[in-house]
PDB file of N, CA and C in Angstrom:
ATOM      1  N   MET A   1    -123.261   2.832  51.785  1.00  0.00           N
ATOM      2  CA  MET A   1    -123.451   1.483  51.245  1.00  0.00           C
ATOM      3  C   MET A   1    -123.682   0.989  49.821  1.00  0.00           C
ATOM      4  N   THR A   2    -124.253   2.214  49.262  1.00  0.00           N
ATOM      5  CA  THR A   2    -124.546   2.012  47.849  1.00  0.00           C
ATOM      6  C   THR A   2    -123.397   1.812  46.936  1.00  0.00           C
ATOM      7  N   ASN A   3    -122.220   2.902  47.060  1.00  0.00           N
ATOM      8  CA  ASN A   3    -120.996   2.848  46.419  1.00  0.00           C
ATOM      9  C   ASN A   3    -120.210   1.566  46.716  1.00  0.00           C
ATOM     10  N   LYS A   4    -120.574   1.040  47.845  1.00  0.00           N
ATOM     11  CA  LYS A   4    -119.798  -0.044  48.235  1.00  0.00           C
ATOM     12  C   LYS A   4    -120.345  -1.532  47.120  1.00  0.00           C
ATOM     13  N   ASN A   5    -121.812  -1.668  47.533  1.00  0.00           N
ATOM     14  CA  ASN A   5    -122.443  -2.426  46.397  1.00  0.00           C
ATOM     15  C   ASN A   5    -122.208  -2.287  45.122  1.00  0.00           C
ATOM     16  N   ASN A   6    -121.766  -1.274  44.647  1.00  0.00           N
ATOM     17  CA  ASN A   6    -121.980  -0.892  43.266  1.00  0.00           C
ATOM     18  C   ASN A   6    -120.347  -1.397  42.867  1.00  0.00           C
ATOM     19  N   ARG A   7    -119.690  -1.114  43.587  1.00  0.00           N
ATOM     20  CA  ARG A   7    -117.988  -1.378  43.551  1.00  0.00           C
ATOM     21  C   ARG A   7    -118.190  -2.988  43.619  1.00  0.00           C
ATOM     22  N   ASP A   8    -118.636  -3.860  44.408  1.00  0.00           N
ATOM     23  CA  ASP A   8    -118.737  -5.180  44.739  1.00  0.00           C
ATOM     24  C   ASP A   8    -119.463  -5.821  43.559  1.00  0.00           C
ATOM     25  N   ILE A   9    -120.572  -5.225  42.761  1.00  0.00           N
ATOM     26  CA  ILE A   9    -121.078  -5.853  41.666  1.00  0.00           C
ATOM     27  C   ILE A   9    -120.124  -5.713  40.330  1.00  0.00           C
ATOM     28  N   SER A  10    -119.530  -4.472  40.401  1.00  0.00           N
ATOM     29  CA  SER A  10    -118.524  -4.186  39.137  1.00  0.00           C
ATOM     30  C   SER A  10    -117.252  -5.067  39.335  1.00  0.00           C
ATOM     31  N   THR A  11    -116.738  -5.392  40.659  1.00  0.00           N
ATOM     32  CA  THR A  11    -115.860  -6.295  40.635  1.00  0.00           C
ATOM     33  C   THR A  11    -116.017  -7.728  40.333  1.00  0.00           C
ATOM     34  N   ASP A  12    -117.180  -8.064  40.926  1.00  0.00           N
ATOM     35  CA  ASP A  12    -117.677  -9.558  40.443  1.00  0.00           C
ATOM     36  C   ASP A  12    -117.814  -9.581  38.877  1.00  0.00           C
ATOM     37  N   TYR A  13    -118.437  -8.858  38.487  1.00  0.00           N
ATOM     38  CA  TYR A  13    -118.598  -8.751  37.227  1.00  0.00           C
ATOM     39  C   TYR A  13    -117.494  -8.727  36.187  1.00  0.00           C
ATOM     40  N   GLN A  14    -116.452  -8.257  36.573  1.00  0.00           N
ATOM     41  CA  GLN A  14    -115.167  -7.982  36.076  1.00  0.00           C
ATOM     42  C   GLN A  14    -114.422  -9.457  36.075  1.00  0.00           C
ATOM     43  N   ASP A  15    -114.411 -10.127  37.380  1.00  0.00           N
ATOM     44  CA  ASP A  15    -113.961 -11.540  37.718  1.00  0.00           C
ATOM     45  C   ASP A  15    -114.964 -12.419  36.638  1.00  0.00           C
ATOM     46  N   ILE A  16    -116.046 -12.465  36.542  1.00  0.00           N
ATOM     47  CA  ILE A  16    -116.868 -13.172  35.413  1.00  0.00           C
ATOM     48  C   ILE A  16    -116.390 -13.071  33.907  1.00  0.00           C
ATOM     49  N   GLN A  17    -115.916 -11.662  33.957  1.00  0.00           N
ATOM     50  CA  GLN A  17    -115.426 -11.649  32.447  1.00  0.00           C
ATOM     51  C   GLN A  17    -114.264 -12.154  32.087  1.00  0.00           C
ATOM     52  N   ILE A  18    -113.398 -12.008  33.310  1.00  0.00           N
ATOM     53  CA  ILE A  18    -112.156 -12.567  33.172  1.00  0.00           C
ATOM     54  C   ILE A  18    -112.058 -14.113  32.893  1.00  0.00           C
ATOM     55  N   ARG A  19    -112.425 -14.717  33.878  1.00  0.00           N
ATOM     56  CA  ARG A  19    -112.973 -16.156  33.995  1.00  0.00           C
ATOM     57  C   ARG A  19    -113.457 -16.584  32.533  1.00  0.00           C
ATOM     58  N   THR A  20    -114.206 -16.014  31.911  1.00  0.00           N
ATOM     59  CA  THR A  20    -114.884 -16.448  30.638  1.00  0.00           C
ATOM     60  C   THR A  20    -114.073 -16.170  29.629  1.00  0.00           C
ATOM     61  N   LEU A  21    -113.267 -14.992  29.558  1.00  0.00           N
ATOM     62  CA  LEU A  21    -112.230 -15.275  28.866  1.00  0.00           C
ATOM     63  C   LEU A  21    -110.782 -16.051  28.614  1.00  0.00           C
ATOM     64  N   THR A  22    -110.826 -16.370  29.943  1.00  0.00           N
ATOM     65  CA  THR A  22    -109.537 -17.294  29.907  1.00  0.00           C
ATOM     66  C   THR A  22    -110.168 -18.400  29.787  1.00  0.00           C
ATOM     67  N   LYS A  23    -111.351 -19.077  29.982  1.00  0.00           N
ATOM     68  CA  LYS A  23    -111.795 -20.250  29.240  1.00  0.00           C
ATOM     69  C   LYS A  23    -111.980 -20.208  27.994  1.00  0.00           C
ATOM     70  N   TRP A  24    -112.298 -19.262  27.388  1.00  0.00           N
ATOM     71  CA  TRP A  24    -112.363 -19.018  26.068  1.00  0.00           C
ATOM     72  C   TRP A  24    -111.021 -19.356  25.245  1.00  0.00           C
ATOM     73  N   MET A  25    -110.113 -18.790  25.816  1.00  0.00           N
ATOM     74  CA  MET A  25    -108.378 -18.853  25.437  1.00  0.00           C
ATOM     75  C   MET A  25    -108.148 -20.044  25.504  1.00  0.00           C
ATOM     76  N   ASN A  26    -108.398 -20.821  26.691  1.00  0.00           N
ATOM     77  CA  ASN A  26    -107.911 -22.251  26.944  1.00  0.00           C
ATOM     78  C   ASN A  26    -108.398 -22.936  25.785  1.00  0.00           C
ATOM     79  N   VAL A  27    -109.864 -23.248  25.538  1.00  0.00           N
ATOM     80  CA  VAL A  27    -110.616 -23.580  24.505  1.00  0.00           C
ATOM     81  C   VAL A  27    -109.554 -23.663  23.090  1.00  0.00           C
ATOM     82  N   GLN A  28    -109.209 -22.442  22.646  1.00  0.00           N
ATOM     83  CA  GLN A  28    -108.651 -22.120  21.513  1.00  0.00           C
ATOM     84  C   GLN A  28    -107.028 -22.504  21.278  1.00  0.00           C
ATOM     85  N   LEU A  29    -106.728 -22.238  22.674  1.00  0.00           N
ATOM     86  CA  LEU A  29    -105.170 -23.033  22.546  1.00  0.00           C
ATOM     87  C   LEU A  29    -104.789 -24.306  22.585  1.00  0.00           C
ATOM     88  N   LYS A  30    -105.799 -25.017  23.184  1.00  0.00           N
ATOM     89  CA  LYS A  30    -105.899 -26.202  23.325  1.00  0.00           C
ATOM     90  C   LYS A  30    -104.567 -26.833  23.919  1.00  0.00           C
ATOM     91  N   GLU A  31    -103.240 -26.770  23.287  1.00  0.00           N
ATOM     92  CA  GLU A  31    -102.252 -27.191  23.656  1.00  0.00           C
ATOM     93  C   GLU A  31    -101.525 -26.351  24.969  1.00  0.00           C
ATOM     94  N   GLU A  32    -102.135 -25.298  24.788  1.00  0.00           N
ATOM     95  CA  GLU A  32    -101.260 -24.574  26.065  1.00  0.00           C
ATOM     96  C   GLU A  32    -102.557 -23.983  26.707  1.00  0.00           C
ATOM     97  N   SER A  33    -102.292 -23.565  28.285  1.00  0.00           N
ATOM     98  CA  SER A  33    -103.429 -23.364  29.099  1.00  0.00           C
ATOM     99  C   SER A  33    -102.744 -21.570  29.644  1.00  0.00           C
ATOM    100  N   VAL A  34    -103.933 -20.934  29.607  1.00  0.00           N
ATOM    101  CA  VAL A  34    -103.874 -19.795  30.270  1.00  0.00           C
ATOM    102  C   VAL A  34    -104.275 -19.577  31.604  1.00  0.00           C
ATOM    103  N   GLU A  35    -103.800 -19.662  32.765  1.00  0.00           N
ATOM    104  CA  GLU A  35    -104.109 -19.357  33.892  1.00  0.00           C
ATOM    105  C   GLU A  35    -104.343 -17.984  34.463  1.00  0.00           C
ATOM    106  N   SER A  36    -103.577 -17.162  34.355  1.00  0.00           N
ATOM    107  CA  SER A  36    -104.000 -15.472  34.575  1.00  0.00           C
ATOM    108  C   SER A  36    -103.928 -14.982  33.465  1.00  0.00           C
ATOM    109  N   ILE A  37    -104.775 -14.199  33.012  1.00  0.00           N
ATOM    110  CA  ILE A  37    -104.334 -13.365  31.772  1.00  0.00           C
ATOM    111  C   ILE A  37    -103.280 -12.570  32.115  1.00  0.00           C
ATOM    112  N   ASP A  38    -103.336 -11.692  33.234  1.00  0.00           N
ATOM    113  CA  ASP A  38    -102.542 -10.672  33.571  1.00  0.00           C
ATOM    114  C   ASP A  38    -101.026 -11.266  33.616  1.00  0.00           C
ATOM    115  N   ASN A  39    -100.714 -12.556  33.759  1.00  0.00           N
ATOM    116  CA  ASN A  39     -99.139 -13.038  33.793  1.00  0.00           C
ATOM    117  C   ASN A  39     -98.870 -13.675  32.624  1.00  0.00           C
ATOM    118  N   ASP A  40    -100.069 -14.580  32.275  1.00  0.00           N
ATOM    119  CA  ASP A  40     -99.739 -15.148  30.991  1.00  0.00           C
ATOM    120  C   ASP A  40     -99.805 -14.458  29.575  1.00  0.00           C
ATOM    121  N   LEU A  41    -100.171 -13.320  29.536  1.00  0.00           N
ATOM    122  CA  LEU A  41    -100.125 -12.730  28.241  1.00  0.00           C
ATOM    123  C   LEU A  41     -98.586 -11.740  28.154  1.00  0.00           C
ATOM    124  N   LYS A  42     -98.073 -11.554  29.135  1.00  0.00           N
ATOM    125  CA  LYS A  42     -97.290 -10.432  29.258  1.00  0.00           C
ATOM    126  C   LYS A  42     -96.004 -10.700  28.345  1.00  0.00           C
ATOM    127  N   ASP A  43     -95.459 -11.820  28.077  1.00  0.00           N
ATOM    128  CA  ASP A  43     -94.383 -11.909  27.182  1.00  0.00           C
ATOM    129  C   ASP A  43     -94.870 -11.928  25.808  1.00  0.00           C
ATOM    130  N   GLY A  44     -96.297 -12.268  25.235  1.00  0.00           N
ATOM    131  CA  GLY A  44     -96.499 -12.135  24.299  1.00  0.00           C
ATOM    132  C   GLY A  44     -96.490 -13.235  23.339  1.00  0.00           C
ATOM    133  N   THR A  45     -96.288 -14.502  23.929  1.00  0.00           N
ATOM    134  CA  THR A  45     -95.988 -15.874  23.183  1.00  0.00           C
ATOM    135  C   THR A  45     -97.308 -16.432  22.739  1.00  0.00           C
ATOM    136  N   LYS A  46     -98.339 -16.188  24.243  1.00  0.00           N
ATOM    137  CA  LYS A  46     -99.444 -17.307  24.138  1.00  0.00           C
ATOM    138  C   LYS A  46    -100.449 -16.115  23.327  1.00  0.00           C
ATOM    139  N   LEU A  47    -100.317 -14.586  23.481  1.00  0.00           N
ATOM    140  CA  LEU A  47    -101.069 -13.626  22.878  1.00  0.00           C
ATOM    141  C   LEU A  47    -100.944 -14.239  21.272  1.00  0.00           C
ATOM    142  N   LEU A  48     -99.867 -14.273  20.773  1.00  0.00           N
ATOM    143  CA  LEU A  48     -99.415 -14.493  19.098  1.00  0.00           C
ATOM    144  C   LEU A  48     -99.871 -15.608  18.935  1.00  0.00           C
ATOM    145  N   ARG A  49     -99.499 -16.713  19.712  1.00  0.00           N
ATOM    146  CA  ARG A  49    -100.657 -17.884  19.094  1.00  0.00           C
ATOM    147  C   ARG A  49    -101.960 -17.899  19.418  1.00  0.00           C
ATOM    148  N   LEU A  50    -102.294 -17.161  20.188  1.00  0.00           N
ATOM    149  CA  LEU A  50    -103.928 -17.114  20.201  1.00  0.00           C
ATOM    150  C   LEU A  50    -104.303 -16.461  18.936  1.00  0.00           C
ATOM    151  N   LEU A  51    -103.900 -15.509  18.570  1.00  0.00           N
ATOM    152  CA  LEU A  51    -103.939 -14.820  17.140  1.00  0.00           C
ATOM    153  C   LEU A  51    -103.765 -15.398  16.255  1.00  0.00           C
ATOM    154  N   SER A  52    -102.830 -16.376  16.318  1.00  0.00           N
ATOM    155  CA  SER A  52    -102.403 -17.126  14.989  1.00  0.00           C
ATOM    156  C   SER A  52    -103.666 -18.357  14.964  1.00  0.00           C
ATOM    157  N   VAL A  53    -104.121 -18.443  16.073  1.00  0.00           N
ATOM    158  CA  VAL A  53    -105.508 -19.684  15.883  1.00  0.00           C
ATOM    159  C   VAL A  53    -106.624 -19.054  15.550  1.00  0.00           C
ATOM    160  N   VAL A  54    -106.987 -17.806  16.096  1.00  0.00           N
ATOM    161  CA  VAL A  54    -108.203 -17.146  15.697  1.00  0.00           C
ATOM    162  C   VAL A  54    -108.366 -16.510  14.452  1.00  0.00           C
ATOM    163  N   ALA A  55    -107.200 -16.033  13.848  1.00  0.00           N
ATOM    164  CA  ALA A  55    -107.183 -15.704  12.389  1.00  0.00           C
ATOM    165  C   ALA A  55    -106.687 -16.484  11.632  1.00  0.00           C
ATOM    166  N   ASN A  56    -106.236 -17.758  11.920  1.00  0.00           N
ATOM    167  CA  ASN A  56    -105.585 -18.277  11.062  1.00  0.00           C
ATOM    168  C   ASN A  56    -104.608 -17.998  10.025  1.00  0.00           C
ATOM    169  N   ASN A  57    -103.575 -17.530  10.946  1.00  0.00           N
ATOM    170  CA  ASN A  57    -102.571 -16.725  10.351  1.00  0.00           C
ATOM    171  C   ASN A  57    -101.113 -17.353  11.006  1.00  0.00           C
ATOM    172  N   PRO A  58    -100.911 -18.473  10.390  1.00  0.00           N
ATOM    173  CA  PRO A  58     -99.713 -19.256  11.041  1.00  0.00           C
ATOM    174  C   PRO A  58     -98.485 -18.561  11.109  1.00  0.00           C
ATOM    175  N   GLY A  59     -98.152 -17.212  10.350  1.00  0.00           N
ATOM    176  CA  GLY A  59     -97.099 -16.344  10.211  1.00  0.00           C
ATOM    177  C   GLY A  59     -97.019 -15.839  11.451  1.00  0.00           C
ATOM    178  N   LEU A  60     -97.575 -15.809  12.391  1.00  0.00           N
ATOM    179  CA  LEU A  60     -97.819 -15.115  13.648  1.00  0.00           C
ATOM    180  C   LEU A  60     -96.908 -15.678  14.941  1.00  0.00           C
ATOM    181  N   ARG A  61     -95.627 -16.156  14.992  1.00  0.00           N
ATOM    182  CA  ARG A  61     -95.182 -16.715  15.664  1.00  0.00           C
ATOM    183  C   ARG A  61     -94.231 -16.127  16.554  1.00  0.00           C
ATOM    184  N   PRO A  62     -94.348 -16.356  17.867  1.00  0.00           N
ATOM    185  CA  PRO A  62     -93.547 -15.429  19.071  1.00  0.00           C
ATOM    186  C   PRO A  62     -91.800 -15.493  18.553  1.00  0.00           C
ATOM    187  N   GLU A  63     -91.119 -14.763  18.826  1.00  0.00           N
ATOM    188  CA  GLU A  63     -89.701 -14.958  19.122  1.00  0.00           C
ATOM    189  C   GLU A  63     -89.267 -15.550  19.808  1.00  0.00           C
ATOM    190  N   ARG A  64     -88.059 -16.537  19.637  1.00  0.00           N
ATOM    191  CA  ARG A  64     -87.491 -17.212  20.948  1.00  0.00           C
ATOM    192  C   ARG A  64     -86.421 -16.055  21.726  1.00  0.00           C
ATOM    193  N   GLY A  65     -86.464 -16.726  22.656  1.00  0.00           N
ATOM    194  CA  GLY A  65     -85.946 -15.652  23.685  1.00  0.00           C
ATOM    195  C   GLY A  65     -86.672 -15.548  24.780  1.00  0.00           C
ATOM    196  N   ASN A  66     -86.161 -15.336  26.310  1.00  0.00           N
ATOM    197  CA  ASN A  66     -86.455 -14.968  27.334  1.00  0.00           C
ATOM    198  C   ASN A  66     -86.428 -13.512  27.975  1.00  0.00           C
ATOM    199  N   MET A  67     -85.708 -12.712  27.192  1.00  0.00           N
ATOM    200  CA  MET A  67     -85.291 -11.193  27.597  1.00  0.00           C
ATOM    201  C   MET A  67     -86.736 -10.571  27.208  1.00  0.00           C
ATOM    202  N   LYS A  68     -86.770  -9.134  27.551  1.00  0.00           N
ATOM    203  CA  LYS A  68     -87.625  -8.540  27.840  1.00  0.00           C
ATOM    204  C   LYS A  68     -87.866  -7.902  26.506  1.00  0.00           C
ATOM    205  N   ILE A  69     -86.540  -7.734  25.882  1.00  0.00           N
ATOM    206  CA  ILE A  69     -86.844  -7.579  24.565  1.00  0.00           C
ATOM    207  C   ILE A  69     -87.353  -8.231  23.356  1.00  0.00           C
ATOM    208  N   HIS A  70     -87.507  -9.460  23.763  1.00  0.00           N
ATOM    209  CA  HIS A  70     -88.121 -10.668  23.070  1.00  0.00           C
ATOM    210  C   HIS A  70     -89.829 -10.073  23.324  1.00  0.00           C
ATOM    211  N   ALA A  71     -89.941 -10.225  24.598  1.00  0.00           N
ATOM    212  CA  ALA A  71     -91.301  -9.978  24.983  1.00  0.00           C
ATOM    213  C   ALA A  71     -92.138  -8.920  24.451  1.00  0.00           C
ATOM    214  N   ILE A  72     -91.383  -7.469  24.540  1.00  0.00           N
ATOM    215  CA  ILE A  72     -91.659  -6.202  23.761  1.00  0.00           C
ATOM    216  C   ILE A  72     -92.055  -6.470  22.485  1.00  0.00           C
ATOM    217  N   SER A  73     -90.939  -7.208  21.723  1.00  0.00           N
ATOM    218  CA  SER A  73     -91.062  -7.690  20.116  1.00  0.00           C
ATOM    219  C   SER A  73     -92.516  -8.411  19.892  1.00  0.00           C
ATOM    220  N   ASN A  74     -92.672  -9.275  20.856  1.00  0.00           N
ATOM    221  CA  ASN A  74     -93.572 -10.543  20.705  1.00  0.00           C
ATOM    222  C   ASN A  74     -95.029  -9.300  20.822  1.00  0.00           C
ATOM    223  N   VAL A  75     -95.296  -8.783  21.874  1.00  0.00           N
ATOM    224  CA  VAL A  75     -96.401  -8.027  21.893  1.00  0.00           C
ATOM    225  C   VAL A  75     -96.897  -7.009  20.820  1.00  0.00           C
ATOM    226  N   SER A  76     -95.406  -6.117  20.852  1.00  0.00           N
ATOM    227  CA  SER A  76     -95.637  -5.163  19.624  1.00  0.00           C
ATOM    228  C   SER A  76     -96.284  -5.747  18.221  1.00  0.00           C
ATOM    229  N   ARG A  77     -95.342  -6.857  18.149  1.00  0.00           N
ATOM    230  CA  ARG A  77     -96.272  -7.785  16.834  1.00  0.00           C
ATOM    231  C   ARG A  77     -97.728  -8.492  16.941  1.00  0.00           C
ATOM    232  N   ALA A  78     -98.157  -8.579  17.928  1.00  0.00           N
ATOM    233  CA  ALA A  78     -99.447  -8.666  18.386  1.00  0.00           C
ATOM    234  C   ALA A  78    -100.185  -7.191  18.200  1.00  0.00           C
ATOM    235  N   LEU A  79     -99.926  -6.611  18.510  1.00  0.00           N
ATOM    236  CA  LEU A  79    -100.798  -5.373  18.658  1.00  0.00           C
ATOM    237  C   LEU A  79    -100.663  -4.589  17.180  1.00  0.00           C
ATOM    238  N   ASN A  80     -99.577  -4.734  16.333  1.00  0.00           N
ATOM    239  CA  ASN A  80     -99.606  -4.071  15.020  1.00  0.00           C
ATOM    240  C   ASN A  80    -100.398  -4.895  14.389  1.00  0.00           C
ATOM    241  N   PHE A  81    -100.457  -6.447  14.642  1.00  0.00           N
ATOM    242  CA  PHE A  81    -101.407  -7.426  13.817  1.00  0.00           C
ATOM    243  C   PHE A  81    -102.982  -6.832  13.894  1.00  0.00           C
ATOM    244  N   LEU A  82    -103.393  -6.768  15.432  1.00  0.00           N
ATOM    245  CA  LEU A  82    -104.527  -5.935  15.481  1.00  0.00           C
ATOM    246  C   LEU A  82    -104.724  -4.800  14.889  1.00  0.00           C
ATOM    247  N   LYS A  83    -103.867  -3.889  15.169  1.00  0.00           N
ATOM    248  CA  LYS A  83    -104.336  -2.554  14.038  1.00  0.00           C
ATOM    249  C   LYS A  83    -104.498  -2.556  12.946  1.00  0.00           C
ATOM    250  N   GLU A  84    -103.676  -3.656  12.288  1.00  0.00           N
ATOM    251  CA  GLU A  84    -103.975  -3.739  11.072  1.00  0.00           C
ATOM    252  C   GLU A  84    -104.945  -4.402  10.441  1.00  0.00           C
ATOM    253  N   GLU A  85    -105.619  -5.120  11.147  1.00  0.00           N
ATOM    254  CA  GLU A  85    -106.973  -6.055  11.079  1.00  0.00           C
ATOM    255  C   GLU A  85    -108.245  -4.923  11.390  1.00  0.00           C
ATOM    256  N   TYR A  86    -107.873  -4.075  12.383  1.00  0.00           N
ATOM    257  CA  TYR A  86    -109.174  -3.330  12.620  1.00  0.00           C
ATOM    258  C   TYR A  86    -108.750  -1.783  12.598  1.00  0.00           C
ATOM    259  N   LYS A  87    -107.947  -1.460  11.470  1.00  0.00           N
ATOM    260  CA  LYS A  87    -107.585  -0.127  11.334  1.00  0.00           C
ATOM    261  C   LYS A  87    -109.219   0.785  10.909  1.00  0.00           C
ATOM    262  N   GLU A  88    -110.137   0.402  10.882  1.00  0.00           N
ATOM    263  CA  GLU A  88    -111.111   1.084  10.661  1.00  0.00           C
ATOM    264  C   GLU A  88    -112.035   1.517  11.794  1.00  0.00           C
ATOM    265  N   ASP A  89    -111.660   0.604  12.833  1.00  0.00           N
ATOM    266  CA  ASP A  89    -112.201   0.844  14.131  1.00  0.00           C
ATOM    267  C   ASP A  89    -111.503   2.043  15.141  1.00  0.00           C
ATOM    268  N   ASP A  90    -112.206   3.045  15.093  1.00  0.00           N
ATOM    269  CA  ASP A  90    -111.627   4.145  16.393  1.00  0.00           C
ATOM    270  C   ASP A  90    -111.653   3.850  17.589  1.00  0.00           C
ATOM    271  N   ASN A  91    -112.542   2.650  17.927  1.00  0.00           N
ATOM    272  CA  ASN A  91    -112.488   2.170  19.437  1.00  0.00           C
ATOM    273  C   ASN A  91    -111.211   1.716  20.195  1.00  0.00           C
ATOM    274  N   LEU A  92    -110.224   1.285  19.190  1.00  0.00           N
ATOM    275  CA  LEU A  92    -109.142   0.521  19.701  1.00  0.00           C
ATOM    276  C   LEU A  92    -108.432   1.117  20.846  1.00  0.00           C
ATOM    277  N   PRO A  93    -107.829   0.716  21.947  1.00  0.00           N
ATOM    278  CA  PRO A  93    -107.408   1.833  22.912  1.00  0.00           C
ATOM    279  C   PRO A  93    -106.040   1.932  22.519  1.00  0.00           C
ATOM    280  N   VAL A  94    -105.436   2.770  22.884  1.00  0.00           N
ATOM    281  CA  VAL A  94    -103.916   3.151  22.531  1.00  0.00           C
ATOM    282  C   VAL A  94    -103.051   2.457  23.799  1.00  0.00           C
ATOM    283  N   ILE A  95    -102.202   1.605  23.570  1.00  0.00           N
ATOM    284  CA  ILE A  95    -101.315   1.079  24.583  1.00  0.00           C
ATOM    285  C   ILE A  95    -100.347   0.495  24.240  1.00  0.00           C
ATOM    286  N   ALA A  96     -99.187   0.808  25.009  1.00  0.00           N
ATOM    287  CA  ALA A  96     -97.608   0.224  24.528  1.00  0.00           C
ATOM    288  C   ALA A  96     -97.438  -0.919  24.763  1.00  0.00           C
ATOM    289  N   SER A  97     -96.660  -1.768  23.954  1.00  0.00           N
ATOM    290  CA  SER A  97     -96.122  -2.947  24.295  1.00  0.00           C
ATOM    291  C   SER A  97     -95.493  -3.171  25.379  1.00  0.00           C
ATOM    292  N   GLU A  98     -94.511  -1.987  25.808  1.00  0.00           N
ATOM    293  CA  GLU A  98     -93.955  -2.056  27.013  1.00  0.00           C
ATOM    294  C   GLU A  98     -94.727  -1.890  28.528  1.00  0.00           C
ATOM    295  N   ASP A  99     -96.103  -1.231  28.253  1.00  0.00           N
ATOM    296  CA  ASP A  99     -96.937  -1.403  29.186  1.00  0.00           C
ATOM    297  C   ASP A  99     -97.430  -2.761  29.526  1.00  0.00           C
ATOM    298  N   ILE A 100     -97.848  -3.427  28.715  1.00  0.00           N
ATOM    299  CA  ILE A 100     -98.311  -4.954  28.913  1.00  0.00           C
ATOM    300  C   ILE A 100     -97.187  -5.836  29.274  1.00  0.00           C
ATOM    301  N   VAL A 101     -95.995  -5.645  28.796  1.00  0.00           N
ATOM    302  CA  VAL A 101     -95.112  -6.435  29.320  1.00  0.00           C
ATOM    303  C   VAL A 101     -94.515  -5.894  30.736  1.00  0.00           C
ATOM    304  N   SER A 102     -94.506  -4.913  30.980  1.00  0.00           N
ATOM    305  CA  SER A 102     -94.330  -4.494  32.715  1.00  0.00           C
ATOM    306  C   SER A 102     -95.826  -4.845  33.404  1.00  0.00           C
ATOM    307  N   GLY A 103     -96.780  -5.064  32.966  1.00  0.00           N
ATOM    308  CA  GLY A 103     -97.957  -5.494  33.627  1.00  0.00           C
ATOM    309  C   GLY A 103     -98.773  -4.151  33.875  1.00  0.00           C
ATOM    310  N   ASP A 104     -98.765  -3.328  33.432  1.00  0.00           N
ATOM    311  CA  ASP A 104     -99.490  -1.986  33.673  1.00  0.00           C
ATOM    312  C   ASP A 104    -100.656  -2.111  33.090  1.00  0.00           C
ATOM    313  N   HIS A 105    -102.044  -1.723  33.701  1.00  0.00           N
ATOM    314  CA  HIS A 105    -103.096  -1.847  33.195  1.00  0.00           C
ATOM    315  C   HIS A 105    -103.790  -0.565  32.844  1.00  0.00           C
TER     316      HIS A 105
END
């Protein structure tokens, strides 16, 4: 019974974190809305726009196009920007752009 309760608490906590992050992102993006982090960030366009707003860097514009190669390029640019900004941080997770575009967790 304890393991089930721990999983329920963990899942509830994760859901709260996701809702909180989603609300914060929507406040930052103002003109666009994020409904699902899993789906709305996969193509990298909203991710780049969010980084552009938060970092006050208007140069972070997404590529035009709806093909997978454009999505991978957008996500790659966002990840590279974060790596450059936080290069001293050894705690950054290693994740490939293709994993994000494919929805792998």
